[in-house]
């Protein structure tokens, strides 16, 4: 069975090599034929090993392309997240500053006295229970 496959592959290779000069002669008359001749010559593998190696090369190229695409997609999404985070934080800071600015400009605003030593309520409750 393998002898028949080997004979068929060598027959196909010799037919392709015989057809290549004929295609090359016709290709000189037309530039579109040149592309077709190159395509026919590149499509027909001369041996089974070449066909396997081409297939494996295509698989590697496809895997590399997919990996690169996922890498750029992750990079883009990370950058978009950081930009949105920066926008939110800047907006929050600006609104807090603007509220303080408006309160300072308002002459009728009631200024609350600030304790010099603020102590949380749970600590006050704990000290009262110890006495």
C-alpha atoms as a PDB file:
ATOM      1  CA  UNK A   1       0.000   0.000   0.000  1.00  0.00           C
ATOM      2  CA  UNK A   2       2.802   2.434   0.873  1.00  0.00           C
ATOM      3  CA  UNK A   3       4.526   1.645  -2.448  1.00  0.00           C
ATOM      4  CA  UNK A   4       1.380   2.715  -4.278  1.00  0.00           C
ATOM      5  CA  UNK A   5       1.250   5.947  -2.263  1.00  0.00           C
ATOM      6  CA  UNK A   6       4.936   6.627  -2.903  1.00  0.00           C
ATOM      7  CA  UNK A   7       4.500   5.943  -6.638  1.00  0.00           C
ATOM      8  CA  UNK A   8       1.423   8.204  -6.735  1.00  0.00           C
ATOM      9  CA  UNK A   9       3.242  11.018  -4.929  1.00  0.00           C
ATOM     10  CA  UNK A  10       6.283  10.764  -7.211  1.00  0.00           C
ATOM     11  CA  UNK A  11       4.004  10.653 -10.269  1.00  0.00           C
ATOM     12  CA  UNK A  12       2.160  13.746  -9.029  1.00  0.00           C
ATOM     13  CA  UNK A  13       5.460  15.492  -8.323  1.00  0.00           C
ATOM     14  CA  UNK A  14       6.824  14.703 -11.786  1.00  0.00           C
ATOM     15  CA  UNK A  15       3.560  15.832 -13.383  1.00  0.00           C
ATOM     16  CA  UNK A  16       3.680  19.070 -11.433  1.00  0.00           C
ATOM     17  CA  UNK A  17       7.317  19.661 -12.394  1.00  0.00           C
ATOM     18  CA  UNK A  18       6.463  18.947 -16.040  1.00  0.00           C
ATOM     19  CA  UNK A  19       3.460  21.289 -15.871  1.00  0.00           C
ATOM     20  CA  UNK A  20       5.478  24.068 -14.238  1.00  0.00           C
ATOM     21  CA  UNK A  21       7.579  24.918 -17.371  1.00  0.00           C
ATOM     22  CA  UNK A  22       4.451  24.821 -19.529  1.00  0.00           C
ATOM     23  CA  UNK A  23       2.727  27.165 -17.106  1.00  0.00           C
ATOM     24  CA  UNK A  24       5.814  29.347 -16.980  1.00  0.00           C
ATOM     25  CA  UNK A  25       5.757  29.775 -20.778  1.00  0.00           C
ATOM     26  CA  UNK A  26       2.107  30.796 -20.700  1.00  0.00           C
ATOM     27  CA  UNK A  27       2.796  33.000 -17.680  1.00  0.00           C
ATOM     28  CA  UNK A  28       5.196  35.195 -19.597  1.00  0.00           C
ATOM     29  CA  UNK A  29       2.309  36.357 -21.771  1.00  0.00           C
ATOM     30  CA  UNK A  30       0.133  37.449 -18.872  1.00  0.00           C
ATOM     31  CA  UNK A  31       0.905  38.722 -15.377  1.00  0.00           C
ATOM     32  CA  UNK A  32      -2.227  37.125 -13.906  1.00  0.00           C
ATOM     33  CA  UNK A  33      -1.023  33.776 -15.206  1.00  0.00           C
ATOM     34  CA  UNK A  34       2.247  34.341 -13.354  1.00  0.00           C
ATOM     35  CA  UNK A  35       0.427  34.435 -10.050  1.00  0.00           C
ATOM     36  CA  UNK A  36      -1.515  31.306 -10.972  1.00  0.00           C
ATOM     37  CA  UNK A  37       1.668  29.476 -11.964  1.00  0.00           C
ATOM     38  CA  UNK A  38       3.341  30.405  -8.689  1.00  0.00           C
ATOM     39  CA  UNK A  39       0.273  29.284  -6.794  1.00  0.00           C
ATOM     40  CA  UNK A  40       0.154  25.916  -8.602  1.00  0.00           C
ATOM     41  CA  UNK A  41       3.865  25.371  -8.016  1.00  0.00           C
ATOM     42  CA  UNK A  42       3.587  26.248  -4.326  1.00  0.00           C
ATOM     43  CA  UNK A  43       0.416  24.221  -3.714  1.00  0.00           C
ATOM     44  CA  UNK A  44       1.719  20.895  -5.000  1.00  0.00           C
ATOM     45  CA  UNK A  45       4.034  19.404  -2.365  1.00  0.00           C
ATOM     46  CA  UNK A  46       6.776  17.139  -3.647  1.00  0.00           C
ATOM     47  CA  UNK A  47       6.618  14.725  -0.721  1.00  0.00           C
ATOM     48  CA  UNK A  48       4.530  13.766   2.233  1.00  0.00           C
ATOM     49  CA  UNK A  49       7.101  15.211   4.644  1.00  0.00           C
ATOM     50  CA  UNK A  50       6.889  18.596   2.923  1.00  0.00           C
ATOM     51  CA  UNK A  51       3.116  18.520   3.150  1.00  0.00           C
ATOM     52  CA  UNK A  52       3.276  17.723   6.875  1.00  0.00           C
ATOM     53  CA  UNK A  53       5.914  20.356   7.534  1.00  0.00           C
ATOM     54  CA  UNK A  54       3.867  22.999   5.681  1.00  0.00           C
ATOM     55  CA  UNK A  55       0.789  22.051   7.672  1.00  0.00           C
ATOM     56  CA  UNK A  56       2.728  22.251  10.934  1.00  0.00           C
ATOM     57  CA  UNK A  57       4.171  25.626   9.912  1.00  0.00           C
ATOM     58  CA  UNK A  58       0.653  26.908   9.227  1.00  0.00           C
ATOM     59  CA  UNK A  59      -0.483  25.629  12.632  1.00  0.00           C
ATOM     60  CA  UNK A  60       2.433  27.381  14.357  1.00  0.00           C
ATOM     61  CA  UNK A  61       1.721  30.629  12.509  1.00  0.00           C
ATOM     62  CA  UNK A  62      -1.967  30.457  13.391  1.00  0.00           C
ATOM     63  CA  UNK A  63      -1.193  29.747  17.059  1.00  0.00           C
ATOM     64  CA  UNK A  64       1.318  32.604  17.174  1.00  0.00           C
ATOM     65  CA  UNK A  65      -1.185  34.967  15.570  1.00  0.00           C
ATOM     66  CA  UNK A  66      -3.908  33.974  18.049  1.00  0.00           C
ATOM     67  CA  UNK A  67      -1.533  34.414  20.975  1.00  0.00           C
ATOM     68  CA  UNK A  68      -0.473  37.863  19.771  1.00  0.00           C
ATOM     69  CA  UNK A  69      -4.104  38.900  19.245  1.00  0.00           C
ATOM     70  CA  UNK A  70      -5.033  37.812  22.787  1.00  0.00           C
ATOM     71  CA  UNK A  71      -2.007  39.657  24.159  1.00  0.00           C
ATOM     72  CA  UNK A  72      -2.991  42.909  22.451  1.00  0.00           C
ATOM     73  CA  UNK A  73      -6.623  42.455  23.493  1.00  0.00           C
ATOM     74  CA  UNK A  74      -5.591  42.067  27.134  1.00  0.00           C
ATOM     75  CA  UNK A  75      -3.299  45.091  26.872  1.00  0.00           C
ATOM     76  CA  UNK A  76      -6.098  47.206  25.376  1.00  0.00           C
ATOM     77  CA  UNK A  77      -8.632  46.163  28.033  1.00  0.00           C
ATOM     78  CA  UNK A  78      -6.139  46.831  30.837  1.00  0.00           C
ATOM     79  CA  UNK A  79      -5.348  50.276  29.463  1.00  0.00           C
ATOM     80  CA  UNK A  80      -9.051  51.089  29.070  1.00  0.00           C
ATOM     81  CA  UNK A  81      -9.660  50.045  32.683  1.00  0.00           C
ATOM     82  CA  UNK A  82      -6.823  52.240  33.968  1.00  0.00           C
ATOM     83  CA  UNK A  83      -8.028  55.236  31.952  1.00  0.00           C
ATOM     84  CA  UNK A  84     -11.575  54.859  33.281  1.00  0.00           C
ATOM     85  CA  UNK A  85     -10.265  54.466  36.830  1.00  0.00           C
ATOM     86  CA  UNK A  86      -8.241  57.667  36.460  1.00  0.00           C
ATOM     87  CA  UNK A  87     -11.300  59.515  35.104  1.00  0.00           C
ATOM     88  CA  UNK A  88     -13.460  58.359  38.018  1.00  0.00           C
ATOM     89  CA  UNK A  89     -10.870  59.271  40.653  1.00  0.00           C
ATOM     90  CA  UNK A  90     -10.185  62.695  39.126  1.00  0.00           C
ATOM     91  CA  UNK A  91     -13.923  63.405  38.905  1.00  0.00           C
ATOM     92  CA  UNK A  92     -14.425  62.383  42.523  1.00  0.00           C
ATOM     93  CA  UNK A  93     -11.543  64.591  43.685  1.00  0.00           C
ATOM     94  CA  UNK A  94     -12.802  67.539  41.608  1.00  0.00           C
ATOM     95  CA  UNK A  95     -16.351  67.309  43.000  1.00  0.00           C
ATOM     96  CA  UNK A  96     -15.067  67.166  46.580  1.00  0.00           C
ATOM     97  CA  UNK A  97     -12.863  70.190  45.957  1.00  0.00           C
ATOM     98  CA  UNK A  98     -15.709  72.096  44.276  1.00  0.00           C
ATOM     99  CA  UNK A  99     -18.087  71.429  47.174  1.00  0.00           C
ATOM    100  CA  UNK A 100     -15.479  72.749  49.608  1.00  0.00           C
ATOM    101  CA  UNK A 101     -14.845  75.759  47.395  1.00  0.00           C
ATOM    102  CA  UNK A 102     -18.556  76.567  47.154  1.00  0.00           C
ATOM    103  CA  UNK A 103     -18.963  76.226  50.926  1.00  0.00           C
ATOM    104  CA  UNK A 104     -16.055  78.615  51.489  1.00  0.00           C
ATOM    105  CA  UNK A 105     -17.578  81.160  49.070  1.00  0.00           C
ATOM    106  CA  UNK A 106     -20.987  80.976  50.711  1.00  0.00           C
ATOM    107  CA  UNK A 107     -21.190  83.696  53.361  1.00  0.00           C
ATOM    108  CA  UNK A 108     -24.185  82.140  55.124  1.00  0.00           C
ATOM    109  CA  UNK A 109     -22.621  78.749  55.584  1.00  0.00           C
ATOM    110  CA  UNK A 110     -22.462  77.552  59.157  1.00  0.00           C
ATOM    111  CA  UNK A 111     -18.963  76.606  60.147  1.00  0.00           C
ATOM    112  CA  UNK A 112     -18.943  73.640  62.500  1.00  0.00           C
ATOM    113  CA  UNK A 113     -16.274  73.594  65.156  1.00  0.00           C
ATOM    114  CA  UNK A 114     -13.761  70.831  64.632  1.00  0.00           C
ATOM    115  CA  UNK A 115     -12.656  68.822  67.638  1.00  0.00           C
ATOM    116  CA  UNK A 116      -8.942  68.985  68.235  1.00  0.00           C
ATOM    117  CA  UNK A 117      -8.805  65.364  69.398  1.00  0.00           C
ATOM    118  CA  UNK A 118     -11.490  63.347  67.647  1.00  0.00           C
ATOM    119  CA  UNK A 119     -12.091  60.065  69.461  1.00  0.00           C
ATOM    120  CA  UNK A 120     -14.331  57.428  67.875  1.00  0.00           C
ATOM    121  CA  UNK A 121     -17.546  56.588  69.701  1.00  0.00           C
ATOM    122  CA  UNK A 122     -16.623  52.948  70.358  1.00  0.00           C
ATOM    123  CA  UNK A 123     -13.510  54.065  72.246  1.00  0.00           C
ATOM    124  CA  UNK A 124     -15.555  56.492  74.344  1.00  0.00           C
ATOM    125  CA  UNK A 125     -18.044  53.721  75.157  1.00  0.00           C
ATOM    126  CA  UNK A 126     -15.233  51.376  76.109  1.00  0.00           C
ATOM    127  CA  UNK A 127     -13.658  53.957  78.483  1.00  0.00           C
ATOM    128  CA  UNK A 128     -16.998  54.579  80.188  1.00  0.00           C
ATOM    129  CA  UNK A 129     -17.464  50.847  80.773  1.00  0.00           C
ATOM    130  CA  UNK A 130     -14.032  50.520  82.388  1.00  0.00           C
ATOM    131  CA  UNK A 131     -14.690  53.146  85.065  1.00  0.00           C
END
